[in-house]
PDB file of N, CA and C in Angstrom:
ATOM      1  N   MET A   1       9.517  -2.116 -36.302  1.00  0.00           N
ATOM      2  CA  MET A   1      10.685  -2.912 -36.653  1.00  0.00           C
ATOM      3  C   MET A   1      10.538  -4.049 -36.669  1.00  0.00           C
ATOM      4  N   TYR A   2      10.616  -4.810 -37.434  1.00  0.00           N
ATOM      5  CA  TYR A   2      10.900  -6.408 -37.581  1.00  0.00           C
ATOM      6  C   TYR A   2      11.944  -7.082 -37.260  1.00  0.00           C
ATOM      7  N   PHE A   3      12.063  -8.178 -36.414  1.00  0.00           N
ATOM      8  CA  PHE A   3      12.895  -9.068 -36.142  1.00  0.00           C
ATOM      9  C   PHE A   3      12.968 -10.394 -37.120  1.00  0.00           C
ATOM     10  N   ASP A   4      14.360 -10.819 -37.652  1.00  0.00           N
ATOM     11  CA  ASP A   4      13.713 -12.116 -38.207  1.00  0.00           C
ATOM     12  C   ASP A   4      14.206 -13.325 -37.079  1.00  0.00           C
ATOM     13  N   SER A   5      14.626 -12.870 -36.013  1.00  0.00           N
ATOM     14  CA  SER A   5      14.447 -14.133 -34.714  1.00  0.00           C
ATOM     15  C   SER A   5      14.583 -13.464 -33.590  1.00  0.00           C
ATOM     16  N   PHE A   6      14.086 -14.394 -33.021  1.00  0.00           N
ATOM     17  CA  PHE A   6      14.274 -14.069 -31.194  1.00  0.00           C
ATOM     18  C   PHE A   6      15.747 -13.527 -30.802  1.00  0.00           C
ATOM     19  N   THR A   7      16.612 -13.928 -31.275  1.00  0.00           N
ATOM     20  CA  THR A   7      18.009 -13.407 -30.565  1.00  0.00           C
ATOM     21  C   THR A   7      18.339 -12.171 -31.628  1.00  0.00           C
ATOM     22  N   GLU A   8      17.807 -11.932 -32.690  1.00  0.00           N
ATOM     23  CA  GLU A   8      17.884 -10.371 -32.961  1.00  0.00           C
ATOM     24  C   GLU A   8      17.034  -9.294 -32.382  1.00  0.00           C
ATOM     25  N   PHE A   9      15.983  -9.791 -32.155  1.00  0.00           N
ATOM     26  CA  PHE A   9      14.615  -9.081 -30.988  1.00  0.00           C
ATOM     27  C   PHE A   9      15.544  -9.065 -29.996  1.00  0.00           C
ATOM     28  N   MET A  10      16.192  -9.803 -29.177  1.00  0.00           N
ATOM     29  CA  MET A  10      16.833  -9.505 -27.701  1.00  0.00           C
ATOM     30  C   MET A  10      17.966  -8.744 -27.933  1.00  0.00           C
ATOM     31  N   LEU A  11      18.702  -8.519 -29.025  1.00  0.00           N
ATOM     32  CA  LEU A  11      19.797  -7.906 -29.230  1.00  0.00           C
ATOM     33  C   LEU A  11      19.375  -6.356 -29.437  1.00  0.00           C
ATOM     34  N   MET A  12      17.995  -6.182 -30.292  1.00  0.00           N
ATOM     35  CA  MET A  12      17.630  -4.838 -30.826  1.00  0.00           C
ATOM     36  C   MET A  12      18.640  -4.302 -31.309  1.00  0.00           C
ATOM     37  N   GLY A  13      19.722  -4.731 -32.308  1.00  0.00           N
ATOM     38  CA  GLY A  13      20.592  -3.890 -33.425  1.00  0.00           C
ATOM     39  C   GLY A  13      21.748  -3.171 -32.391  1.00  0.00           C
ATOM     40  N   LYS A  14      21.906  -4.395 -31.654  1.00  0.00           N
ATOM     41  CA  LYS A  14      23.172  -3.949 -30.566  1.00  0.00           C
ATOM     42  C   LYS A  14      22.537  -2.871 -29.708  1.00  0.00           C
ATOM     43  N   HIS A  15      21.696  -2.487 -29.326  1.00  0.00           N
ATOM     44  CA  HIS A  15      21.361  -1.825 -28.495  1.00  0.00           C
ATOM     45  C   HIS A  15      20.009  -2.408 -27.467  1.00  0.00           C
ATOM     46  N   GLY A  16      20.468  -3.594 -27.623  1.00  0.00           N
ATOM     47  CA  GLY A  16      19.610  -4.540 -26.596  1.00  0.00           C
ATOM     48  C   GLY A  16      20.103  -4.426 -24.994  1.00  0.00           C
ATOM     49  N   PHE A  17      20.837  -4.102 -24.570  1.00  0.00           N
ATOM     50  CA  PHE A  17      21.401  -4.318 -23.424  1.00  0.00           C
ATOM     51  C   PHE A  17      20.830  -3.054 -22.590  1.00  0.00           C
ATOM     52  N   TYR A  18      21.004  -1.699 -23.592  1.00  0.00           N
ATOM     53  CA  TYR A  18      20.745  -0.609 -22.757  1.00  0.00           C
ATOM     54  C   TYR A  18      19.212  -0.894 -22.539  1.00  0.00           C
ATOM     55  N   VAL A  19      18.481  -1.453 -23.756  1.00  0.00           N
ATOM     56  CA  VAL A  19      17.096  -1.688 -23.791  1.00  0.00           C
ATOM     57  C   VAL A  19      16.250  -2.223 -22.584  1.00  0.00           C
ATOM     58  N   TRP A  20      17.073  -3.566 -22.313  1.00  0.00           N
ATOM     59  CA  TRP A  20      16.298  -4.009 -21.381  1.00  0.00           C
ATOM     60  C   TRP A  20      16.677  -3.524 -20.304  1.00  0.00           C
ATOM     61  N   VAL A  21      17.928  -2.896 -20.086  1.00  0.00           N
ATOM     62  CA  VAL A  21      18.298  -2.471 -18.853  1.00  0.00           C
ATOM     63  C   VAL A  21      17.245  -1.148 -18.306  1.00  0.00           C
ATOM     64  N   ALA A  22      16.885  -0.607 -19.373  1.00  0.00           N
ATOM     65  CA  ALA A  22      15.766   0.457 -19.043  1.00  0.00           C
ATOM     66  C   ALA A  22      14.380   0.020 -19.038  1.00  0.00           C
ATOM     67  N   TYR A  23      13.944  -1.286 -19.782  1.00  0.00           N
ATOM     68  CA  TYR A  23      12.904  -2.064 -19.095  1.00  0.00           C
ATOM     69  C   TYR A  23      12.764  -2.378 -17.493  1.00  0.00           C
ATOM     70  N   GLY A  24      13.887  -2.900 -17.260  1.00  0.00           N
ATOM     71  CA  GLY A  24      14.387  -3.597 -16.368  1.00  0.00           C
ATOM     72  C   GLY A  24      13.899  -2.802 -15.021  1.00  0.00           C
ATOM     73  N   ALA A  25      14.640  -1.344 -15.204  1.00  0.00           N
ATOM     74  CA  ALA A  25      14.452  -0.015 -14.098  1.00  0.00           C
ATOM     75  C   ALA A  25      13.112   0.007 -13.563  1.00  0.00           C
ATOM     76  N   THR A  26      12.535   0.240 -15.040  1.00  0.00           N
ATOM     77  CA  THR A  26      11.226   1.127 -15.328  1.00  0.00           C
ATOM     78  C   THR A  26      10.281  -0.046 -14.437  1.00  0.00           C
ATOM     79  N   VAL A  27      10.532  -1.427 -14.786  1.00  0.00           N
ATOM     80  CA  VAL A  27       9.549  -2.344 -13.552  1.00  0.00           C
ATOM     81  C   VAL A  27       9.762  -2.569 -12.005  1.00  0.00           C
ATOM     82  N   ALA A  28      11.229  -2.170 -11.985  1.00  0.00           N
ATOM     83  CA  ALA A  28      11.874  -2.416 -10.658  1.00  0.00           C
ATOM     84  C   ALA A  28      11.297  -0.851  -9.993  1.00  0.00           C
ATOM     85  N   VAL A  29      11.336   0.263 -10.549  1.00  0.00           N
ATOM     86  CA  VAL A  29      10.683   1.025  -9.732  1.00  0.00           C
ATOM     87  C   VAL A  29       9.293   1.233  -9.873  1.00  0.00           C
ATOM     88  N   LEU A  30       8.450   0.885 -10.838  1.00  0.00           N
ATOM     89  CA  LEU A  30       6.801   0.658 -10.519  1.00  0.00           C
ATOM     90  C   LEU A  30       6.492  -0.007  -9.893  1.00  0.00           C
ATOM     91  N   LEU A  31       7.319  -1.207  -9.468  1.00  0.00           N
ATOM     92  CA  LEU A  31       6.997  -2.429  -8.211  1.00  0.00           C
ATOM     93  C   LEU A  31       7.325  -2.045  -6.977  1.00  0.00           C
ATOM     94  N   GLY A  32       8.541  -1.147  -6.716  1.00  0.00           N
ATOM     95  CA  GLY A  32       8.889  -0.820  -5.612  1.00  0.00           C
ATOM     96  C   GLY A  32       8.073   0.283  -5.281  1.00  0.00           C
ATOM     97  N   SER A  33       7.201   1.023  -5.920  1.00  0.00           N
ATOM     98  CA  SER A  33       6.767   2.105  -5.826  1.00  0.00           C
ATOM     99  C   SER A  33       5.086   1.426  -5.291  1.00  0.00           C
ATOM    100  N   TRP A  34       4.598   0.853  -5.719  1.00  0.00           N
ATOM    101  CA  TRP A  34       3.274  -0.234  -5.719  1.00  0.00           C
ATOM    102  C   TRP A  34       3.598  -1.193  -3.975  1.00  0.00           C
ATOM    103  N   ILE A  35       4.765  -1.829  -3.994  1.00  0.00           N
ATOM    104  CA  ILE A  35       4.775  -2.191  -2.833  1.00  0.00           C
ATOM    105  C   ILE A  35       4.978  -1.442  -1.619  1.00  0.00           C
ATOM    106  N   SER A  36       5.842   0.116  -1.817  1.00  0.00           N
ATOM    107  CA  SER A  36       5.638   1.143  -0.984  1.00  0.00           C
ATOM    108  C   SER A  36       4.619   1.484  -0.570  1.00  0.00           C
ATOM    109  N   ALA A  37       3.841   2.037  -1.256  1.00  0.00           N
ATOM    110  CA  ALA A  37       2.007   2.419  -1.198  1.00  0.00           C
ATOM    111  C   ALA A  37       1.162   1.495  -0.439  1.00  0.00           C
ATOM    112  N   ARG A  38       1.539   0.221  -0.852  1.00  0.00           N
ATOM    113  CA  ARG A  38       0.743  -1.042  -0.327  1.00  0.00           C
ATOM    114  C   ARG A  38       0.820  -1.101   1.180  1.00  0.00           C
ATOM    115  N   GLN A  39       2.545  -0.787   1.437  1.00  0.00           N
ATOM    116  CA  GLN A  39       2.441  -1.320   2.827  1.00  0.00           C
ATOM    117  C   GLN A  39       2.322   0.173   4.005  1.00  0.00           C
ATOM    118  N   ALA A  40       2.108   1.283   3.096  1.00  0.00           N
ATOM    119  CA  ALA A  40       1.830   2.226   3.991  1.00  0.00           C
ATOM    120  C   ALA A  40       0.057   2.266   3.818  1.00  0.00           C
ATOM    121  N   PHE A  41      -0.301   2.232   3.000  1.00  0.00           N
ATOM    122  CA  PHE A  41      -2.064   1.561   3.187  1.00  0.00           C
ATOM    123  C   PHE A  41      -2.145   0.451   4.362  1.00  0.00           C
ATOM    124  N   VAL A  42      -1.814  -0.480   4.393  1.00  0.00           N
ATOM    125  CA  VAL A  42      -1.570  -0.982   5.192  1.00  0.00           C
ATOM    126  C   VAL A  42      -1.127  -0.982   6.997  1.00  0.00           C
ATOM    127  N   SER A  43      -0.493   0.275   6.837  1.00  0.00           N
ATOM    128  CA  SER A  43       0.147   0.852   8.219  1.00  0.00           C
ATOM    129  C   SER A  43      -1.010   1.645   8.351  1.00  0.00           C
ATOM    130  N   ALA A  44      -1.481   2.223   7.984  1.00  0.00           N
ATOM    131  CA  ALA A  44      -2.542   3.368   8.120  1.00  0.00           C
ATOM    132  C   ALA A  44      -3.635   2.881   8.289  1.00  0.00           C
ATOM    133  N   LYS A  45      -3.946   1.926   7.867  1.00  0.00           N
ATOM    134  CA  LYS A  45      -5.213   1.248   8.450  1.00  0.00           C
ATOM    135  C   LYS A  45      -5.123   0.445   9.583  1.00  0.00           C
ATOM    136  N   LYS A  46      -3.856   0.163  10.137  1.00  0.00           N
ATOM    137  CA  LYS A  46      -4.041  -0.585  11.319  1.00  0.00           C
ATOM    138  C   LYS A  46      -3.844   0.743  12.257  1.00  0.00           C
ATOM    139  N   GLN A  47      -3.038   1.997  12.012  1.00  0.00           N
ATOM    140  CA  GLN A  47      -3.290   3.156  12.623  1.00  0.00           C
ATOM    141  C   GLN A  47      -4.758   3.559  12.906  1.00  0.00           C
ATOM    142  N   ILE A  48      -5.587   3.375  11.810  1.00  0.00           N
ATOM    143  CA  ILE A  48      -6.257   4.232  12.184  1.00  0.00           C
ATOM    144  C   ILE A  48      -7.490   3.111  12.961  1.00  0.00           C
ATOM    145  N   ALA A  49      -7.236   1.702  12.915  1.00  0.00           N
ATOM    146  CA  ALA A  49      -8.305   0.720  13.862  1.00  0.00           C
ATOM    147  C   ALA A  49      -7.758   0.995  15.285  1.00  0.00           C
ATOM    148  N   GLN A  50      -6.508   1.215  15.265  1.00  0.00           N
ATOM    149  CA  GLN A  50      -6.097   1.359  16.739  1.00  0.00           C
ATOM    150  C   GLN A  50      -6.461   2.818  17.088  1.00  0.00           C
ATOM    151  N   GLN A  51      -6.716   3.650  16.885  1.00  0.00           N
ATOM    152  CA  GLN A  51      -7.234   4.875  17.119  1.00  0.00           C
ATOM    153  C   GLN A  51      -8.981   5.042  17.389  1.00  0.00           C
ATOM    154  N   ILE A  52      -9.444   4.016  16.386  1.00  0.00           N
ATOM    155  CA  ILE A  52     -11.120   4.150  16.899  1.00  0.00           C
ATOM    156  C   ILE A  52     -11.207   2.966  17.812  1.00  0.00           C
ATOM    157  N   GLU A  53     -10.350   1.904  18.260  1.00  0.00           N
ATOM    158  CA  GLU A  53     -10.450   0.949  19.227  1.00  0.00           C
ATOM    159  C   GLU A  53     -10.158   1.846  20.710  1.00  0.00           C
ATOM    160  N   LEU A  54      -9.048   3.348  20.818  1.00  0.00           N
ATOM    161  CA  LEU A  54      -8.866   3.833  21.715  1.00  0.00           C
ATOM    162  C   LEU A  54      -9.758   4.963  22.276  1.00  0.00           C
ATOM    163  N   ALA A  55     -10.379   5.247  20.777  1.00  0.00           N
ATOM    164  CA  ALA A  55     -11.279   6.260  21.396  1.00  0.00           C
ATOM    165  C   ALA A  55     -13.011   5.656  21.898  1.00  0.00           C
ATOM    166  N   GLU A  56     -13.013   4.605  21.273  1.00  0.00           N
ATOM    167  CA  GLU A  56     -14.248   3.748  22.155  1.00  0.00           C
ATOM    168  C   GLU A  56     -14.223   3.562  23.221  1.00  0.00           C
ATOM    169  N   ARG A  57     -12.963   3.289  23.764  1.00  0.00           N
ATOM    170  CA  ARG A  57     -12.716   2.585  24.900  1.00  0.00           C
ATOM    171  C   ARG A  57     -12.676   3.923  25.835  1.00  0.00           C
ATOM    172  N   SER A  58     -12.047   4.937  25.517  1.00  0.00           N
ATOM    173  CA  SER A  58     -12.115   6.243  26.086  1.00  0.00           C
ATOM    174  C   SER A  58     -13.525   6.902  26.401  1.00  0.00           C
ATOM    175  N   ALA A  59     -14.319   6.932  25.391  1.00  0.00           N
ATOM    176  CA  ALA A  59     -15.620   7.354  25.166  1.00  0.00           C
ATOM    177  C   ALA A  59     -16.700   6.900  26.805  1.00  0.00           C
ATOM    178  N   PRO A  60     -17.096   8.474  27.237  1.00  0.00           N
ATOM    179  CA  PRO A  60     -18.067   7.636  28.304  1.00  0.00           C
ATOM    180  C   PRO A  60     -19.274   6.917  27.756  1.00  0.00           C
ATOM    181  N   VAL A  61     -19.887   6.184  28.417  1.00  0.00           N
ATOM    182  CA  VAL A  61     -20.939   4.849  28.629  1.00  0.00           C
ATOM    183  C   VAL A  61     -22.186   6.001  28.843  1.00  0.00           C
ATOM    184  N   THR A  62     -22.980   6.242  27.853  1.00  0.00           N
ATOM    185  CA  THR A  62     -24.624   7.274  28.155  1.00  0.00           C
ATOM    186  C   THR A  62     -25.972   6.455  27.942  1.00  0.00           C
ATOM    187  N   THR A  63     -26.191   6.759  28.681  1.00  0.00           N
ATOM    188  CA  THR A  63     -28.013   5.892  28.583  1.00  0.00           C
ATOM    189  C   THR A  63     -28.625   6.807  27.661  1.00  0.00           C
ATOM    190  N   ARG A  64     -30.216   6.012  27.631  1.00  0.00           N
ATOM    191  CA  ARG A  64     -30.930   6.429  26.440  1.00  0.00           C
ATOM    192  C   ARG A  64     -31.320   7.566  26.241  1.00  0.00           C
ATOM    193  N   ASN A  65     -31.340   8.491  27.877  1.00  0.00           N
ATOM    194  CA  ASN A  65     -31.767   9.571  27.467  1.00  0.00           C
ATOM    195  C   ASN A  65     -30.307  10.970  27.474  1.00  0.00           C
ATOM    196  N   GLY A  66     -29.291  10.097  27.059  1.00  0.00           N
ATOM    197  CA  GLY A  66     -28.147  11.074  26.905  1.00  0.00           C
ATOM    198  C   GLY A  66     -27.484  11.165  27.969  1.00  0.00           C
ATOM    199  N   GLU A  67     -27.209  11.070  29.607  1.00  0.00           N
ATOM    200  CA  GLU A  67     -27.216  11.431  30.659  1.00  0.00           C
ATOM    201  C   GLU A  67     -25.760  10.336  31.025  1.00  0.00           C
ATOM    202  N   ASP A  68     -24.570  10.744  31.327  1.00  0.00           N
ATOM    203  CA  ASP A  68     -23.364   9.661  31.617  1.00  0.00           C
ATOM    204  C   ASP A  68     -23.932   9.050  32.440  1.00  0.00           C
ATOM    205  N   ALA A  69     -23.410   7.507  32.027  1.00  0.00           N
ATOM    206  CA  ALA A  69     -23.403   6.713  33.310  1.00  0.00           C
ATOM    207  C   ALA A  69     -22.566   5.937  33.953  1.00  0.00           C
ATOM    208  N   HIS A  70     -22.637   5.891  35.117  1.00  0.00           N
ATOM    209  CA  HIS A  70     -21.303   5.786  36.060  1.00  0.00           C
ATOM    210  C   HIS A  70     -21.258   3.989  36.207  1.00  0.00           C
ATOM    211  N   GLU A  71     -20.732   3.344  35.759  1.00  0.00           N
ATOM    212  CA  GLU A  71     -20.800   1.886  36.438  1.00  0.00           C
ATOM    213  C   GLU A  71     -20.772   1.675  37.784  1.00  0.00           C
ATOM    214  N   SER A  72     -19.939   2.366  38.590  1.00  0.00           N
ATOM    215  CA  SER A  72     -20.321   1.921  40.218  1.00  0.00           C
ATOM    216  C   SER A  72     -21.631   2.630  41.060  1.00  0.00           C
ATOM    217  N   GLU A  73     -22.470   3.063  40.184  1.00  0.00           N
ATOM    218  CA  GLU A  73     -23.925   3.435  40.894  1.00  0.00           C
ATOM    219  C   GLU A  73     -24.774   2.905  40.798  1.00  0.00           C
ATOM    220  N   THR A  74     -25.092   1.216  40.559  1.00  0.00           N
ATOM    221  CA  THR A  74     -25.558  -0.060  40.097  1.00  0.00           C
ATOM    222  C   THR A  74     -26.209   0.186  41.211  1.00  0.00           C
TER     223      THR A  74
END
């Protein structure tokens, strides 16, 4: 379908309002989904980093031969 002017393109044969609302709603949903997924990804990365840090803190210190080393035995 060809339009003679930009105004006719925007009006889309008197269906322009519905067409542009549909496009706007689609963009809003896609953008909202992307933002939500990005926030979930960042949150998951932070949670994993915290779990790794806690695991490293609570892991026993071992010597080269695999025995547990106690800091008080020096």
